[in-house]
N, C-alpha and C. Protein backbone atom coordinates (compact mmCIF):
# COMPACT_ATOMS: atom_id res chain seq x y z
N UNK A 1 -1.62 29.07 33.33
CA UNK A 1 -2.65 28.91 32.35
C UNK A 1 -3.51 30.16 32.28
N UNK A 2 -3.75 30.50 31.05
CA UNK A 2 -4.63 31.65 30.85
C UNK A 2 -5.94 31.16 30.26
N UNK A 3 -7.00 31.79 30.60
CA UNK A 3 -8.32 31.36 30.18
C UNK A 3 -8.62 31.65 28.71
N UNK A 4 -7.89 32.48 28.03
CA UNK A 4 -8.21 32.86 26.67
C UNK A 4 -7.71 31.88 25.62
N UNK A 5 -6.94 30.88 25.97
CA UNK A 5 -6.36 29.97 24.98
C UNK A 5 -7.25 28.77 24.65
N UNK A 6 -8.33 28.59 25.30
CA UNK A 6 -9.13 27.38 25.14
C UNK A 6 -10.49 27.60 24.49
N UNK A 7 -10.61 28.64 23.72
CA UNK A 7 -11.87 28.86 23.02
C UNK A 7 -11.99 27.96 21.81
N UNK A 8 -13.18 27.54 21.56
CA UNK A 8 -13.45 26.71 20.40
C UNK A 8 -13.58 27.61 19.17
N UNK A 9 -13.09 27.09 18.04
CA UNK A 9 -13.20 27.86 16.81
C UNK A 9 -14.64 27.80 16.32
N UNK A 10 -15.12 28.90 15.85
CA UNK A 10 -16.48 28.98 15.33
C UNK A 10 -16.44 28.60 13.86
N UNK A 11 -17.24 27.59 13.50
CA UNK A 11 -17.31 27.17 12.11
C UNK A 11 -18.34 28.00 11.37
N UNK A 12 -18.09 28.16 10.10
CA UNK A 12 -19.09 28.83 9.28
C UNK A 12 -20.21 27.83 9.00
N UNK A 13 -21.42 28.30 9.19
CA UNK A 13 -22.56 27.44 8.90
C UNK A 13 -22.93 27.61 7.44
N UNK A 14 -23.10 26.48 6.78
CA UNK A 14 -23.43 26.49 5.37
C UNK A 14 -24.95 26.51 5.23
N UNK A 15 -25.48 27.60 4.70
CA UNK A 15 -26.92 27.74 4.54
C UNK A 15 -27.36 26.97 3.30
N UNK A 16 -28.60 26.48 3.29
CA UNK A 16 -29.07 25.69 2.14
C UNK A 16 -28.96 26.42 0.81
N UNK A 17 -29.24 27.70 0.78
CA UNK A 17 -29.16 28.44 -0.47
C UNK A 17 -27.71 28.48 -0.98
N UNK A 18 -26.76 28.70 -0.08
CA UNK A 18 -25.35 28.72 -0.48
C UNK A 18 -24.89 27.32 -0.90
N UNK A 19 -25.38 26.29 -0.21
CA UNK A 19 -24.99 24.94 -0.55
C UNK A 19 -25.49 24.58 -1.93
N UNK A 20 -26.76 24.92 -2.25
CA UNK A 20 -27.30 24.66 -3.58
C UNK A 20 -26.54 25.44 -4.65
N UNK A 21 -26.17 26.66 -4.35
CA UNK A 21 -25.39 27.45 -5.32
C UNK A 21 -24.04 26.80 -5.54
N UNK A 22 -23.44 26.30 -4.49
CA UNK A 22 -22.14 25.63 -4.62
C UNK A 22 -22.26 24.36 -5.46
N UNK A 23 -23.33 23.58 -5.22
CA UNK A 23 -23.54 22.36 -5.99
C UNK A 23 -23.79 22.71 -7.45
N UNK A 24 -24.57 23.74 -7.71
CA UNK A 24 -24.93 24.12 -9.07
C UNK A 24 -23.71 24.60 -9.86
N UNK A 25 -22.80 25.29 -9.22
CA UNK A 25 -21.64 25.81 -9.93
C UNK A 25 -20.55 24.75 -10.10
N UNK A 26 -20.46 23.80 -9.21
CA UNK A 26 -19.45 22.76 -9.31
C UNK A 26 -20.02 21.61 -10.15
N UNK A 27 -19.47 21.38 -11.34
CA UNK A 27 -20.02 20.39 -12.26
C UNK A 27 -19.91 18.96 -11.71
N UNK A 28 -18.80 18.61 -11.13
CA UNK A 28 -18.63 17.26 -10.60
C UNK A 28 -19.60 16.99 -9.45
N UNK A 29 -19.72 17.96 -8.58
CA UNK A 29 -20.60 17.81 -7.43
C UNK A 29 -22.07 17.72 -7.88
N UNK A 30 -22.44 18.54 -8.86
CA UNK A 30 -23.82 18.50 -9.34
C UNK A 30 -24.11 17.19 -10.08
N UNK A 31 -23.13 16.67 -10.82
CA UNK A 31 -23.31 15.38 -11.50
C UNK A 31 -23.45 14.26 -10.47
N UNK A 32 -22.63 14.29 -9.44
CA UNK A 32 -22.72 13.28 -8.39
C UNK A 32 -24.06 13.36 -7.67
N UNK A 33 -24.53 14.59 -7.44
CA UNK A 33 -25.82 14.78 -6.80
C UNK A 33 -26.95 14.23 -7.67
N UNK A 34 -26.90 14.49 -8.98
CA UNK A 34 -27.94 14.00 -9.90
C UNK A 34 -27.93 12.47 -9.97
N UNK A 35 -26.74 11.87 -10.06
CA UNK A 35 -26.64 10.42 -10.12
C UNK A 35 -27.15 9.80 -8.82
N UNK A 36 -26.78 10.40 -7.71
CA UNK A 36 -27.25 9.89 -6.42
C UNK A 36 -28.76 9.99 -6.29
N UNK A 37 -29.33 11.08 -6.78
CA UNK A 37 -30.78 11.26 -6.72
C UNK A 37 -31.49 10.22 -7.60
N UNK A 38 -30.96 9.96 -8.77
CA UNK A 38 -31.54 8.97 -9.67
C UNK A 38 -31.45 7.58 -9.05
N UNK A 39 -30.31 7.25 -8.45
CA UNK A 39 -30.15 5.95 -7.79
C UNK A 39 -31.13 5.79 -6.61
N UNK A 40 -31.32 6.88 -5.89
CA UNK A 40 -32.27 6.85 -4.77
C UNK A 40 -33.69 6.60 -5.27
N UNK A 41 -34.09 7.28 -6.33
CA UNK A 41 -35.41 7.05 -6.91
C UNK A 41 -35.56 5.62 -7.40
N UNK A 42 -34.52 5.11 -8.04
CA UNK A 42 -34.54 3.73 -8.54
C UNK A 42 -34.68 2.74 -7.38
N UNK A 43 -33.96 2.99 -6.30
CA UNK A 43 -34.00 2.08 -5.15
C UNK A 43 -35.39 2.05 -4.52
N UNK A 44 -36.11 3.16 -4.58
CA UNK A 44 -37.43 3.19 -3.96
C UNK A 44 -38.53 2.69 -4.88
N UNK A 45 -38.48 3.05 -6.15
CA UNK A 45 -39.65 2.87 -7.00
C UNK A 45 -39.54 1.80 -8.07
N UNK A 46 -38.47 1.04 -8.16
CA UNK A 46 -38.43 -0.01 -9.18
C UNK A 46 -39.21 -1.23 -8.70
N UNK A 47 -39.31 -2.26 -9.54
CA UNK A 47 -40.11 -3.44 -9.20
C UNK A 47 -39.57 -4.20 -8.00
N UNK A 48 -38.29 -4.11 -7.74
CA UNK A 48 -37.69 -4.78 -6.58
C UNK A 48 -37.27 -3.77 -5.52
N UNK A 49 -37.89 -2.61 -5.51
CA UNK A 49 -37.49 -1.53 -4.62
C UNK A 49 -38.04 -1.67 -3.22
N UNK A 50 -37.76 -0.66 -2.44
CA UNK A 50 -38.12 -0.65 -1.02
C UNK A 50 -39.63 -0.62 -0.83
N UNK A 51 -40.33 0.21 -1.62
CA UNK A 51 -41.78 0.29 -1.47
C UNK A 51 -42.45 -1.03 -1.83
N UNK A 52 -41.97 -1.67 -2.87
CA UNK A 52 -42.52 -2.97 -3.26
C UNK A 52 -42.26 -4.00 -2.16
N UNK A 53 -41.10 -3.93 -1.55
CA UNK A 53 -40.76 -4.85 -0.46
C UNK A 53 -41.71 -4.67 0.72
N UNK A 54 -42.03 -3.42 1.03
CA UNK A 54 -42.95 -3.15 2.13
C UNK A 54 -44.34 -3.70 1.81
N UNK A 55 -44.80 -3.51 0.56
CA UNK A 55 -46.11 -4.04 0.17
C UNK A 55 -46.13 -5.56 0.29
N UNK A 56 -45.07 -6.20 -0.16
CA UNK A 56 -45.01 -7.67 -0.11
C UNK A 56 -44.98 -8.18 1.32
N UNK A 57 -44.26 -7.51 2.20
CA UNK A 57 -44.22 -7.91 3.61
C UNK A 57 -45.61 -7.80 4.23
N UNK A 58 -46.33 -6.73 3.87
CA UNK A 58 -47.69 -6.55 4.39
C UNK A 58 -48.61 -7.66 3.89
N UNK A 59 -48.52 -7.97 2.60
CA UNK A 59 -49.35 -9.04 2.02
C UNK A 59 -49.00 -10.39 2.66
N UNK A 60 -47.72 -10.63 2.92
CA UNK A 60 -47.29 -11.87 3.54
C UNK A 60 -47.89 -12.01 4.94
N UNK A 61 -47.89 -10.92 5.67
CA UNK A 61 -48.44 -10.94 7.03
C UNK A 61 -49.93 -11.27 7.00
N UNK A 62 -50.67 -10.65 6.05
CA UNK A 62 -52.10 -10.93 5.94
C UNK A 62 -52.35 -12.39 5.58
N UNK A 63 -51.56 -12.94 4.65
CA UNK A 63 -51.74 -14.34 4.26
C UNK A 63 -51.41 -15.29 5.40
N UNK A 64 -50.39 -14.97 6.18
CA UNK A 64 -50.06 -15.81 7.33
C UNK A 64 -51.19 -15.81 8.35
N UNK A 65 -51.84 -14.66 8.54
CA UNK A 65 -52.97 -14.60 9.46
C UNK A 65 -54.14 -15.44 8.93
N UNK A 66 -54.38 -15.39 7.62
CA UNK A 66 -55.45 -16.21 7.03
C UNK A 66 -55.15 -17.69 7.18
N UNK A 67 -53.89 -18.07 7.00
CA UNK A 67 -53.50 -19.47 7.15
C UNK A 67 -53.72 -19.93 8.58
N UNK A 68 -53.32 -19.09 9.53
CA UNK A 68 -53.50 -19.44 10.95
C UNK A 68 -54.99 -19.60 11.28
N UNK A 69 -55.81 -18.71 10.76
CA UNK A 69 -57.26 -18.80 11.00
C UNK A 69 -57.82 -20.09 10.39
N UNK A 70 -57.39 -20.42 9.18
CA UNK A 70 -57.87 -21.64 8.52
C UNK A 70 -57.42 -22.89 9.28
N UNK A 71 -56.22 -22.87 9.82
CA UNK A 71 -55.74 -24.02 10.59
C UNK A 71 -56.55 -24.19 11.87
N UNK A 72 -56.89 -23.09 12.52
CA UNK A 72 -57.72 -23.18 13.72
C UNK A 72 -59.10 -23.73 13.40
N UNK A 73 -59.67 -23.26 12.28
CA UNK A 73 -60.97 -23.75 11.86
C UNK A 73 -60.92 -25.24 11.52
N UNK A 74 -59.85 -25.65 10.85
CA UNK A 74 -59.68 -27.06 10.50
C UNK A 74 -59.58 -27.92 11.76
N UNK A 75 -58.83 -27.45 12.75
CA UNK A 75 -58.69 -28.19 14.00
C UNK A 75 -60.04 -28.33 14.70
N UNK A 76 -60.81 -27.26 14.69
CA UNK A 76 -62.13 -27.29 15.32
C UNK A 76 -63.04 -28.29 14.61
N UNK A 77 -62.99 -28.29 13.28
CA UNK A 77 -63.83 -29.23 12.53
C UNK A 77 -63.40 -30.67 12.74
N UNK A 78 -62.09 -30.91 12.85
CA UNK A 78 -61.61 -32.27 13.13
C UNK A 78 -62.07 -32.73 14.51
N UNK A 79 -62.00 -31.84 15.48
CA UNK A 79 -62.47 -32.19 16.83
C UNK A 79 -63.96 -32.51 16.80
N UNK A 80 -64.72 -31.72 16.06
CA UNK A 80 -66.16 -31.96 15.96
C UNK A 80 -66.42 -33.29 15.25
N UNK A 81 -65.64 -33.59 14.23
CA UNK A 81 -65.80 -34.85 13.50
C UNK A 81 -65.51 -36.04 14.40
N UNK A 82 -64.46 -35.94 15.20
CA UNK A 82 -64.13 -37.04 16.13
C UNK A 82 -65.23 -37.22 17.17
N UNK A 83 -65.83 -36.10 17.59
CA UNK A 83 -66.89 -36.19 18.59
C UNK A 83 -68.13 -36.85 18.00
N UNK A 84 -68.37 -36.66 16.71
CA UNK A 84 -69.56 -37.22 16.08
C UNK A 84 -69.40 -38.68 15.67
N UNK A 85 -68.19 -39.22 15.71
CA UNK A 85 -67.95 -40.58 15.25
C UNK A 85 -68.81 -41.63 15.98
N UNK A 86 -68.89 -41.55 17.27
CA UNK A 86 -69.61 -42.61 17.96
C UNK A 86 -70.60 -42.10 18.99
N UNK A 87 -70.67 -40.82 19.20
CA UNK A 87 -71.50 -40.27 20.27
C UNK A 87 -72.87 -39.87 19.71
N UNK A 88 -73.91 -40.61 20.12
CA UNK A 88 -75.27 -40.35 19.61
C UNK A 88 -75.81 -39.01 20.10
N UNK A 89 -75.44 -38.61 21.32
CA UNK A 89 -75.92 -37.34 21.86
C UNK A 89 -75.34 -36.17 21.07
N UNK A 90 -74.07 -36.27 20.69
CA UNK A 90 -73.44 -35.20 19.91
C UNK A 90 -74.08 -35.12 18.52
N UNK A 91 -74.39 -36.27 17.95
CA UNK A 91 -75.04 -36.29 16.63
C UNK A 91 -76.42 -35.65 16.72
N UNK A 92 -77.16 -35.98 17.77
CA UNK A 92 -78.49 -35.40 17.94
C UNK A 92 -78.42 -33.88 18.15
N UNK A 93 -77.43 -33.44 18.92
CA UNK A 93 -77.26 -32.01 19.17
C UNK A 93 -77.00 -31.25 17.88
N UNK A 94 -76.12 -31.78 17.04
CA UNK A 94 -75.82 -31.13 15.77
C UNK A 94 -77.03 -31.14 14.86
N UNK A 95 -77.75 -32.25 14.83
CA UNK A 95 -78.94 -32.36 13.98
C UNK A 95 -80.00 -31.35 14.40
N UNK A 96 -80.17 -31.16 15.69
CA UNK A 96 -81.18 -30.22 16.18
C UNK A 96 -80.76 -28.77 15.94
N UNK A 97 -79.50 -28.43 16.29
CA UNK A 97 -79.06 -27.04 16.23
C UNK A 97 -78.78 -26.58 14.80
N UNK A 98 -78.08 -27.40 14.06
CA UNK A 98 -77.64 -26.96 12.73
C UNK A 98 -78.70 -27.18 11.67
N UNK A 99 -79.39 -28.30 11.72
CA UNK A 99 -80.32 -28.66 10.65
C UNK A 99 -81.79 -28.50 11.04
N UNK A 100 -82.05 -28.16 12.29
CA UNK A 100 -83.42 -27.92 12.73
C UNK A 100 -84.29 -29.16 12.77
N UNK A 101 -83.70 -30.32 12.95
CA UNK A 101 -84.46 -31.57 12.99
C UNK A 101 -85.11 -31.74 14.35
N UNK A 102 -86.22 -32.45 14.34
CA UNK A 102 -86.94 -32.71 15.59
C UNK A 102 -87.31 -34.18 15.64
N UNK A 103 -87.63 -34.65 16.84
CA UNK A 103 -88.12 -36.02 17.00
C UNK A 103 -89.60 -36.06 16.65
N UNK A 104 -90.07 -37.24 16.40
CA UNK A 104 -91.50 -37.35 16.08
C UNK A 104 -92.32 -37.02 17.32
N UNK A 105 -93.35 -36.22 17.12
CA UNK A 105 -94.20 -35.84 18.24
C UNK A 105 -93.80 -34.53 18.89
N UNK A 106 -92.66 -33.97 18.54
CA UNK A 106 -92.22 -32.70 19.13
C UNK A 106 -92.75 -31.54 18.29
N UNK A 107 -92.90 -30.39 18.97
CA UNK A 107 -93.31 -29.16 18.30
C UNK A 107 -92.20 -28.13 18.48
N UNK A 108 -91.97 -27.38 17.41
CA UNK A 108 -90.92 -26.36 17.45
C UNK A 108 -91.59 -24.99 17.57
N UNK A 109 -91.15 -24.22 18.54
CA UNK A 109 -91.64 -22.85 18.72
C UNK A 109 -90.48 -21.91 18.41
N UNK A 110 -90.77 -20.97 17.54
CA UNK A 110 -89.76 -19.96 17.20
C UNK A 110 -90.21 -18.62 17.75
N UNK A 111 -89.30 -17.90 18.33
CA UNK A 111 -89.60 -16.59 18.91
C UNK A 111 -89.32 -15.54 17.85
N UNK A 112 -90.31 -14.71 17.58
CA UNK A 112 -90.14 -13.65 16.59
C UNK A 112 -89.34 -12.51 17.21
N UNK A 113 -88.43 -11.93 16.45
CA UNK A 113 -87.64 -10.81 17.00
C UNK A 113 -88.51 -9.57 17.19
N UNK A 114 -88.16 -8.76 18.17
CA UNK A 114 -88.92 -7.53 18.45
C UNK A 114 -88.60 -6.50 17.37
N UNK A 115 -89.64 -5.74 17.01
CA UNK A 115 -89.47 -4.70 15.99
C UNK A 115 -89.30 -3.35 16.60
């Protein structure tokens, strides 16, 4: 075995300027390139394109988060409603905290915020 028989062949590298010149001079290749470019633009920017799909996926994610938040709020309100059904202490707590109600003979003191 001799060491000189196993060299790899060096390929010519196609520079972008030469590639564009080749595409421009070859009518079939330039037509295929133009059609491919138009199809690519259509795939991205039409009403059912990739960009629209991304926008819709983002909107869907936001709506799902809003739905989840509303469901949690609904569950909390149902729990509060069940607690208020028969518990007088819970009813009094809500009346005092939320509506500012007081018993007869009580005085309410409010603390003014510092300026």
